[in-house]
C-alpha atoms as a PDB file:
ATOM      1  CA  MET A   1      18.194   8.125  29.473  1.00  0.00           C
ATOM      2  CA  ASN A   2      15.407   9.549  27.394  1.00  0.00           C
ATOM      3  CA  ALA A   3      11.988   8.730  25.831  1.00  0.00           C
ATOM      4  CA  GLN A   4      13.829   6.567  23.125  1.00  0.00           C
ATOM      5  CA  SER A   5      15.307   4.362  25.721  1.00  0.00           C
ATOM      6  CA  PRO A   6      13.790   0.802  25.871  1.00  0.00           C
ATOM      7  CA  LEU A   7      10.907   0.529  28.214  1.00  0.00           C
ATOM      8  CA  THR A   8      10.723  -2.495  30.486  1.00  0.00           C
ATOM      9  CA  LEU A   9       7.703  -3.522  32.524  1.00  0.00           C
ATOM     10  CA  VAL A  10       8.474  -5.360  35.770  1.00  0.00           C
ATOM     11  CA  VAL A  11       5.508  -7.379  37.066  1.00  0.00           C
ATOM     12  CA  GLU A  12       6.605  -8.419  40.606  1.00  0.00           C
ATOM     13  CA  ASP A  13       4.762  -8.288  43.934  1.00  0.00           C
ATOM     14  CA  GLU A  14       7.784  -8.119  46.220  1.00  0.00           C
ATOM     15  CA  PRO A  15       8.760  -4.379  46.467  1.00  0.00           C
ATOM     16  CA  GLN A  16      12.419  -5.093  47.401  1.00  0.00           C
ATOM     17  CA  ILE A  17      12.908  -7.391  44.312  1.00  0.00           C
ATOM     18  CA  ARG A  18      11.040  -5.016  42.072  1.00  0.00           C
ATOM     19  CA  ARG A  19      13.334  -2.042  43.117  1.00  0.00           C
ATOM     20  CA  PHE A  20      16.404  -4.261  42.696  1.00  0.00           C
ATOM     21  CA  VAL A  21      15.368  -5.257  39.159  1.00  0.00           C
ATOM     22  CA  CYS A  22      14.428  -1.794  38.160  1.00  0.00           C
ATOM     23  CA  SER A  23      17.780  -0.400  39.379  1.00  0.00           C
ATOM     24  CA  ALA A  24      19.577  -3.047  37.207  1.00  0.00           C
ATOM     25  CA  LEU A  25      17.577  -2.083  34.223  1.00  0.00           C
ATOM     26  CA  ARG A  26      18.309   1.621  34.662  1.00  0.00           C
ATOM     27  CA  ASP A  27      22.047   0.714  34.780  1.00  0.00           C
ATOM     28  CA  GLU A  28      21.434  -0.753  31.307  1.00  0.00           C
ATOM     29  CA  SER A  29      19.914   2.575  30.152  1.00  0.00           C
ATOM     30  CA  CYS A  30      16.381   1.198  30.272  1.00  0.00           C
ATOM     31  CA  ARG A  31      13.320   2.954  31.507  1.00  0.00           C
ATOM     32  CA  ALA A  32      11.326   0.856  34.042  1.00  0.00           C
ATOM     33  CA  SER A  33       7.614   0.665  34.802  1.00  0.00           C
ATOM     34  CA  GLU A  34       6.287  -1.324  37.721  1.00  0.00           C
ATOM     35  CA  ALA A  35       3.287  -3.457  38.557  1.00  0.00           C
ATOM     36  CA  GLY A  36       2.420  -5.654  41.569  1.00  0.00           C
ATOM     37  CA  SER A  37      -0.306  -7.859  40.137  1.00  0.00           C
ATOM     38  CA  VAL A  38      -1.528  -9.554  36.932  1.00  0.00           C
ATOM     39  CA  ALA A  39      -4.335  -7.081  36.495  1.00  0.00           C
ATOM     40  CA  GLN A  40      -2.096  -4.041  36.872  1.00  0.00           C
ATOM     41  CA  GLY A  41       0.555  -5.471  34.675  1.00  0.00           C
ATOM     42  CA  LEU A  42      -1.894  -6.297  31.797  1.00  0.00           C
ATOM     43  CA  ASP A  43      -3.224  -2.722  32.090  1.00  0.00           C
ATOM     44  CA  LEU A  44       0.195  -1.138  31.904  1.00  0.00           C
ATOM     45  CA  ALA A  45       1.293  -3.428  29.072  1.00  0.00           C
ATOM     46  CA  ALA A  46      -1.658  -2.304  27.037  1.00  0.00           C
ATOM     47  CA  ARG A  47      -1.253   1.336  27.752  1.00  0.00           C
ATOM     48  CA  GLU A  48       2.583   1.670  27.746  1.00  0.00           C
ATOM     49  CA  ARG A  49       3.543  -0.929  25.161  1.00  0.00           C
ATOM     50  CA  PRO A  50       6.838  -1.974  26.799  1.00  0.00           C
ATOM     51  CA  ASP A  51       9.808  -3.365  24.807  1.00  0.00           C
ATOM     52  CA  LEU A  52      10.302  -6.126  27.431  1.00  0.00           C
ATOM     53  CA  VAL A  53       8.335  -7.680  30.256  1.00  0.00           C
ATOM     54  CA  ILE A  54      10.022  -9.187  33.347  1.00  0.00           C
ATOM     55  CA  LEU A  55       7.486 -11.345  35.158  1.00  0.00           C
ATOM     56  CA  ASP A  56       7.267 -13.178  38.439  1.00  0.00           C
ATOM     57  CA  LEU A  57       4.885 -16.191  38.390  1.00  0.00           C
ATOM     58  CA  GLY A  58       3.676 -16.023  42.035  1.00  0.00           C
ATOM     59  CA  LEU A  59       1.405 -13.015  41.919  1.00  0.00           C
ATOM     60  CA  PRO A  60      -1.273 -12.178  44.451  1.00  0.00           C
ATOM     61  CA  ASP A  61      -4.302 -11.993  42.240  1.00  0.00           C
ATOM     62  CA  ARG A  62      -3.570 -14.606  39.555  1.00  0.00           C
ATOM     63  CA  ASP A  63      -0.718 -16.911  38.290  1.00  0.00           C
ATOM     64  CA  GLY A  64       1.854 -15.326  36.014  1.00  0.00           C
ATOM     65  CA  VAL A  65       1.062 -17.930  33.401  1.00  0.00           C
ATOM     66  CA  ASP A  66      -2.378 -16.368  33.092  1.00  0.00           C
ATOM     67  CA  PHE A  67      -0.674 -12.952  32.390  1.00  0.00           C
ATOM     68  CA  ILE A  68       1.460 -14.524  29.600  1.00  0.00           C
ATOM     69  CA  ARG A  69      -1.560 -16.177  27.930  1.00  0.00           C
ATOM     70  CA  GLU A  70      -3.612 -12.983  27.988  1.00  0.00           C
ATOM     71  CA  LEU A  71      -0.706 -10.845  26.783  1.00  0.00           C
ATOM     72  CA  ARG A  72       0.059 -13.233  23.884  1.00  0.00           C
ATOM     73  CA  VAL A  73      -3.499 -12.690  22.487  1.00  0.00           C
ATOM     74  CA  TRP A  74      -2.350  -9.277  21.235  1.00  0.00           C
ATOM     75  CA  SER A  75       1.397  -8.864  21.778  1.00  0.00           C
ATOM     76  CA  ALA A  76       4.638 -10.533  20.872  1.00  0.00           C
ATOM     77  CA  VAL A  77       6.682  -8.424  23.351  1.00  0.00           C
ATOM     78  CA  PRO A  78       9.503 -10.550  24.898  1.00  0.00           C
ATOM     79  CA  VAL A  79       8.807 -11.976  28.349  1.00  0.00           C
ATOM     80  CA  LEU A  80      11.501 -12.956  30.869  1.00  0.00           C
ATOM     81  CA  ILE A  81      10.348 -14.973  33.817  1.00  0.00           C
ATOM     82  CA  LEU A  82      11.958 -14.375  37.266  1.00  0.00           C
ATOM     83  CA  SER A  83      10.646 -16.956  39.593  1.00  0.00           C
ATOM     84  CA  ALA A  84      11.497 -19.016  42.674  1.00  0.00           C
ATOM     85  CA  ARG A  85       9.720 -21.985  40.987  1.00  0.00           C
ATOM     86  CA  SER A  86      12.603 -24.240  39.764  1.00  0.00           C
ATOM     87  CA  ASP A  87      10.681 -27.401  38.786  1.00  0.00           C
ATOM     88  CA  GLU A  88      10.990 -28.251  35.148  1.00  0.00           C
ATOM     89  CA  SER A  89       7.181 -28.510  34.800  1.00  0.00           C
ATOM     90  CA  ASP A  90       6.841 -24.855  35.887  1.00  0.00           C
ATOM     91  CA  LYS A  91       9.420 -23.673  33.375  1.00  0.00           C
ATOM     92  CA  ILE A  92       7.739 -25.767  30.622  1.00  0.00           C
ATOM     93  CA  ALA A  93       4.273 -24.348  31.475  1.00  0.00           C
ATOM     94  CA  ALA A  94       5.548 -20.679  31.289  1.00  0.00           C
ATOM     95  CA  LEU A  95       7.405 -21.294  28.098  1.00  0.00           C
ATOM     96  CA  ASP A  96       4.541 -23.090  26.427  1.00  0.00           C
ATOM     97  CA  ALA A  97       2.314 -20.234  27.331  1.00  0.00           C
ATOM     98  CA  GLY A  98       4.518 -17.784  25.443  1.00  0.00           C
ATOM     99  CA  ALA A  99       7.453 -16.794  27.745  1.00  0.00           C
ATOM    100  CA  ASP A 100      10.744 -16.299  25.930  1.00  0.00           C
ATOM    101  CA  ASP A 101      13.260 -17.076  28.829  1.00  0.00           C
ATOM    102  CA  TYR A 102      13.293 -18.168  32.369  1.00  0.00           C
ATOM    103  CA  LEU A 103      15.621 -17.115  35.182  1.00  0.00           C
ATOM    104  CA  THR A 104      15.331 -18.869  38.563  1.00  0.00           C
ATOM    105  CA  LYS A 105      15.546 -16.915  41.887  1.00  0.00           C
ATOM    106  CA  PRO A 106      18.047 -16.168  43.390  1.00  0.00           C
ATOM    107  CA  PHE A 107      19.863 -14.861  40.269  1.00  0.00           C
ATOM    108  CA  GLY A 108      22.957 -12.845  39.683  1.00  0.00           C
ATOM    109  CA  ILE A 109      22.706  -9.264  38.572  1.00  0.00           C
ATOM    110  CA  GLY A 110      25.195  -9.844  35.740  1.00  0.00           C
ATOM    111  CA  GLU A 111      23.167 -12.677  34.268  1.00  0.00           C
ATOM    112  CA  LEU A 112      19.951 -10.682  34.500  1.00  0.00           C
ATOM    113  CA  ARG A 113      21.525  -7.760  32.606  1.00  0.00           C
ATOM    114  CA  ALA A 114      22.916 -10.065  29.962  1.00  0.00           C
ATOM    115  CA  ARG A 115      19.607 -11.703  29.341  1.00  0.00           C
ATOM    116  CA  VAL A 116      17.899  -8.296  29.167  1.00  0.00           C
ATOM    117  CA  ARG A 117      20.399  -7.113  26.568  1.00  0.00           C
ATOM    118  CA  ALA A 118      19.988 -10.217  24.502  1.00  0.00           C
ATOM    119  CA  MET A 119      16.176 -10.084  24.543  1.00  0.00           C
ATOM    120  CA  LEU A 120      16.118  -6.391  23.611  1.00  0.00           C
ATOM    121  CA  ARG A 121      18.452  -7.101  20.736  1.00  0.00           C
ATOM    122  CA  ARG A 122      16.078  -9.741  19.388  1.00  0.00           C
ATOM    123  CA  SER A 123      13.087  -7.526  19.928  1.00  0.00           C
ATOM    124  CA  GLN A 124      14.662  -4.676  17.964  1.00  0.00           C
ATOM    125  CA  MET A 125      15.347  -7.110  15.187  1.00  0.00           C
ATOM    126  CA  CYS A 126      11.795  -8.596  15.073  1.00  0.00           C
ATOM    127  CA  GLY A 127       9.567  -5.783  16.365  1.00  0.00           C
ATOM    128  CA  ASP A 128       6.243  -6.111  18.083  1.00  0.00           C
ATOM    129  CA  ALA A 129       3.244  -6.756  15.856  1.00  0.00           C
ATOM    130  CA  GLY A 130       1.132  -4.538  18.138  1.00  0.00           C
ATOM    131  CA  ALA A 131      -2.522  -4.680  19.105  1.00  0.00           C
ATOM    132  CA  LEU A 132      -4.190  -2.613  16.318  1.00  0.00           C
ATOM    133  CA  HIS A 133      -4.556  -4.091  12.861  1.00  0.00           C
ATOM    134  CA  ALA A 134      -6.482  -3.047   9.729  1.00  0.00           C
ATOM    135  CA  PHE A 135      -6.972  -4.748   6.326  1.00  0.00           C
ATOM    136  CA  GLY A 136      -9.591  -4.103   3.682  1.00  0.00           C
ATOM    137  CA  ASP A 137     -12.540  -2.677   5.648  1.00  0.00           C
ATOM    138  CA  VAL A 138     -11.672  -4.705   8.745  1.00  0.00           C
ATOM    139  CA  GLU A 139     -10.311  -3.256  11.941  1.00  0.00           C
ATOM    140  CA  ALA A 140      -9.119  -5.502  14.730  1.00  0.00           C
ATOM    141  CA  ASP A 141      -8.094  -4.290  18.310  1.00  0.00           C
ATOM    142  CA  LEU A 142      -6.542  -7.403  19.895  1.00  0.00           C
ATOM    143  CA  ALA A 143      -6.030  -5.726  23.253  1.00  0.00           C
ATOM    144  CA  ARG A 144      -9.821  -5.212  23.627  1.00  0.00           C
ATOM    145  CA  HIS A 145     -10.890  -8.331  21.691  1.00  0.00           C
ATOM    146  CA  VAL A 146     -12.899  -6.221  19.194  1.00  0.00           C
ATOM    147  CA  VAL A 147     -13.193  -6.899  15.472  1.00  0.00           C
ATOM    148  CA  ARG A 148     -15.169  -4.608  13.204  1.00  0.00           C
ATOM    149  CA  ARG A 149     -16.007  -4.617   9.510  1.00  0.00           C
ATOM    150  CA  ALA A 150     -17.130  -1.376   7.865  1.00  0.00           C
ATOM    151  CA  GLY A 151     -17.718  -0.071  11.437  1.00  0.00           C
ATOM    152  CA  ALA A 152     -19.929  -2.945  12.557  1.00  0.00           C
ATOM    153  CA  ASP A 153     -18.934  -5.356  15.219  1.00  0.00           C
ATOM    154  CA  ILE A 154     -18.201  -8.898  13.981  1.00  0.00           C
ATOM    155  CA  HIS A 155     -18.839 -11.759  16.235  1.00  0.00           C
ATOM    156  CA  LEU A 156     -16.060 -14.477  16.194  1.00  0.00           C
ATOM    157  CA  THR A 157     -16.103 -17.758  18.085  1.00  0.00           C
ATOM    158  CA  PRO A 158     -13.062 -18.288  20.412  1.00  0.00           C
ATOM    159  CA  GLN A 159     -11.488 -20.551  17.787  1.00  0.00           C
ATOM    160  CA  GLU A 160     -12.072 -18.139  14.972  1.00  0.00           C
ATOM    161  CA  TYR A 161     -10.593 -15.330  17.093  1.00  0.00           C
ATOM    162  CA  ARG A 162      -7.502 -17.365  18.080  1.00  0.00           C
ATOM    163  CA  LEU A 163      -6.959 -18.275  14.412  1.00  0.00           C
ATOM    164  CA  LEU A 164      -7.271 -14.605  13.369  1.00  0.00           C
ATOM    165  CA  VAL A 165      -4.790 -13.508  16.025  1.00  0.00           C
ATOM    166  CA  GLN A 166      -2.139 -15.940  14.724  1.00  0.00           C
ATOM    167  CA  MET A 167      -2.631 -14.528  11.212  1.00  0.00           C
ATOM    168  CA  LEU A 168      -2.564 -10.928  12.237  1.00  0.00           C
ATOM    169  CA  THR A 169       0.470 -11.303  14.351  1.00  0.00           C
ATOM    170  CA  ASN A 170       2.470 -13.114  11.672  1.00  0.00           C
ATOM    171  CA  PRO A 171       1.719 -10.961   8.552  1.00  0.00           C
ATOM    172  CA  GLY A 172       3.324 -12.206   5.368  1.00  0.00           C
ATOM    173  CA  ARG A 173       4.581 -15.374   7.004  1.00  0.00           C
ATOM    174  CA  VAL A 174       3.578 -18.868   5.798  1.00  0.00           C
ATOM    175  CA  LEU A 175       1.934 -20.509   8.702  1.00  0.00           C
ATOM    176  CA  THR A 176       1.884 -24.362   8.435  1.00  0.00           C
ATOM    177  CA  GLN A 177      -1.240 -26.322   9.176  1.00  0.00           C
ATOM    178  CA  ALA A 178       0.526 -27.975  12.149  1.00  0.00           C
ATOM    179  CA  PHE A 179       1.498 -24.585  13.589  1.00  0.00           C
ATOM    180  CA  LEU A 180      -2.036 -23.169  13.436  1.00  0.00           C
ATOM    181  CA  ILE A 181      -3.637 -26.346  14.798  1.00  0.00           C
ATOM    182  CA  ASP A 182      -1.193 -26.282  17.797  1.00  0.00           C
ATOM    183  CA  LYS A 183      -1.955 -22.612  18.510  1.00  0.00           C
ATOM    184  CA  VAL A 184      -5.737 -22.783  18.087  1.00  0.00           C
ATOM    185  CA  TRP A 185      -6.698 -26.283  19.273  1.00  0.00           C
ATOM    186  CA  GLY A 186      -3.596 -27.669  20.955  1.00  0.00           C
ATOM    187  CA  PRO A 187      -0.867 -30.194  19.892  1.00  0.00           C
ATOM    188  CA  GLY A 188      -3.162 -33.147  20.445  1.00  0.00           C
ATOM    189  CA  ASN A 189      -5.332 -32.228  17.494  1.00  0.00           C
ATOM    190  CA  ARG A 190      -2.968 -32.370  14.518  1.00  0.00           C
ATOM    191  CA  GLU A 191      -4.888 -35.317  12.890  1.00  0.00           C
ATOM    192  CA  ASN A 192      -8.018 -33.127  12.773  1.00  0.00           C
ATOM    193  CA  ASN A 193      -6.780 -30.714  10.106  1.00  0.00           C
ATOM    194  CA  HIS A 194     -10.325 -30.528   8.641  1.00  0.00           C
ATOM    195  CA  TYR A 195     -11.120 -28.188  11.593  1.00  0.00           C
ATOM    196  CA  LEU A 196      -8.601 -25.743  10.169  1.00  0.00           C
ATOM    197  CA  ARG A 197     -10.193 -25.741   6.622  1.00  0.00           C
ATOM    198  CA  ILE A 198     -13.633 -25.134   8.146  1.00  0.00           C
ATOM    199  CA  TYR A 199     -12.544 -22.229  10.401  1.00  0.00           C
ATOM    200  CA  VAL A 200     -10.418 -20.523   7.678  1.00  0.00           C
ATOM    201  CA  ALA A 201     -13.597 -20.685   5.464  1.00  0.00           C
ATOM    202  CA  ARG A 202     -15.643 -19.157   8.205  1.00  0.00           C
ATOM    203  CA  LEU A 203     -13.191 -16.353   8.770  1.00  0.00           C
ATOM    204  CA  ARG A 204     -13.161 -15.568   4.977  1.00  0.00           C
ATOM    205  CA  HIS A 205     -16.941 -15.501   4.921  1.00  0.00           C
ATOM    206  CA  LYS A 206     -16.985 -12.943   7.802  1.00  0.00           C
ATOM    207  CA  LEU A 207     -14.059 -10.795   6.854  1.00  0.00           C
ATOM    208  CA  GLU A 208     -13.225 -11.027   3.105  1.00  0.00           C
ATOM    209  CA  ALA A 209     -15.094  -8.892   0.530  1.00  0.00           C
ATOM    210  CA  ASP A 210     -15.304 -11.987  -1.740  1.00  0.00           C
ATOM    211  CA  PRO A 211     -14.777 -15.241   0.263  1.00  0.00           C
ATOM    212  CA  ALA A 212     -14.404 -17.205  -2.919  1.00  0.00           C
ATOM    213  CA  ARG A 213     -11.545 -14.924  -3.946  1.00  0.00           C
ATOM    214  CA  PRO A 214      -9.766 -14.020  -0.718  1.00  0.00           C
ATOM    215  CA  ARG A 215      -7.276 -11.149  -0.840  1.00  0.00           C
ATOM    216  CA  HIS A 216      -6.018 -11.425   2.682  1.00  0.00           C
ATOM    217  CA  ILE A 217      -6.377 -14.897   4.105  1.00  0.00           C
ATOM    218  CA  LEU A 218      -4.445 -16.815   1.394  1.00  0.00           C
ATOM    219  CA  THR A 219      -3.976 -20.525   0.948  1.00  0.00           C
ATOM    220  CA  GLU A 220      -0.392 -21.828   0.445  1.00  0.00           C
ATOM    221  CA  THR A 221      -1.235 -25.174  -1.291  1.00  0.00           C
ATOM    222  CA  GLY A 222      -0.045 -28.195   0.596  1.00  0.00           C
ATOM    223  CA  VAL A 223       1.582 -26.129   3.394  1.00  0.00           C
ATOM    224  CA  GLY A 224      -0.894 -23.898   5.229  1.00  0.00           C
ATOM    225  CA  TYR A 225      -2.044 -20.276   4.993  1.00  0.00           C
ATOM    226  CA  ARG A 226      -0.587 -16.737   4.793  1.00  0.00           C
ATOM    227  CA  PHE A 227      -2.170 -13.511   5.939  1.00  0.00           C
ATOM    228  CA  GLN A 228      -1.572 -10.608   3.640  1.00  0.00           C
ATOM    229  CA  PRO A 229      -2.650  -7.196   5.044  1.00  0.00           C
ATOM    230  CA  GLN A 230      -2.578  -5.353   1.764  1.00  0.00           C
ATOM    231  CA  SER A 231      -4.456  -6.559  -1.378  1.00  0.00           C
ATOM    232  CA  PRO A 232      -2.093  -7.600  -4.227  1.00  0.00           C
ATOM    233  CA  ALA A 233      -1.522  -4.928  -6.832  1.00  0.00           C
ATOM    234  CA  HIS A 234      -3.134  -5.415 -10.256  1.00  0.00           C
END
């Protein structure tokens, strides 16, 4: 095992379970980092940039779903839930918040290893968009919720910020109106697509050199929008 081995962050407050999971990970040639709370886990995730997060939901300081929501603001790292909560509603809440898979305690070591291997394969194929982004004269640090243009801080409303996050973490991808509305305002607001047009216009005004001729936040007519980090060549 070396520095090139995948790094997994295990966020679990029970020391025995944490040791058991970390041992299984090392048997899969993974490095393992440990946290016992949401706060510690988020700090390690930001500093160490793991390739996979294994998360318990019943943590002492906050619920694991809160961890997922905060992590998803700036990272697409795969998250595997290990939890004693077996109700369908708990699973749906974690998956809707951004978890990738769910394994109920008690679990078999073989199944845990198989799921870890599968998630790491997907991660290697897709990559992690990361927390730091730059385009034009704009710099965004999603881990710290800071956006600057030409070195000056830019104030974004919560909706503007969530919309920008979706674009930055999906570069080059056409994002449908329905997808963006679901992510920014929630699935119950799809009929209010005029919200999206208004907030895209606000983002362009704050972040584009020429909002009338955007180079980065592009419209895909009749479909949605696409974020292009680099200006098109002339």
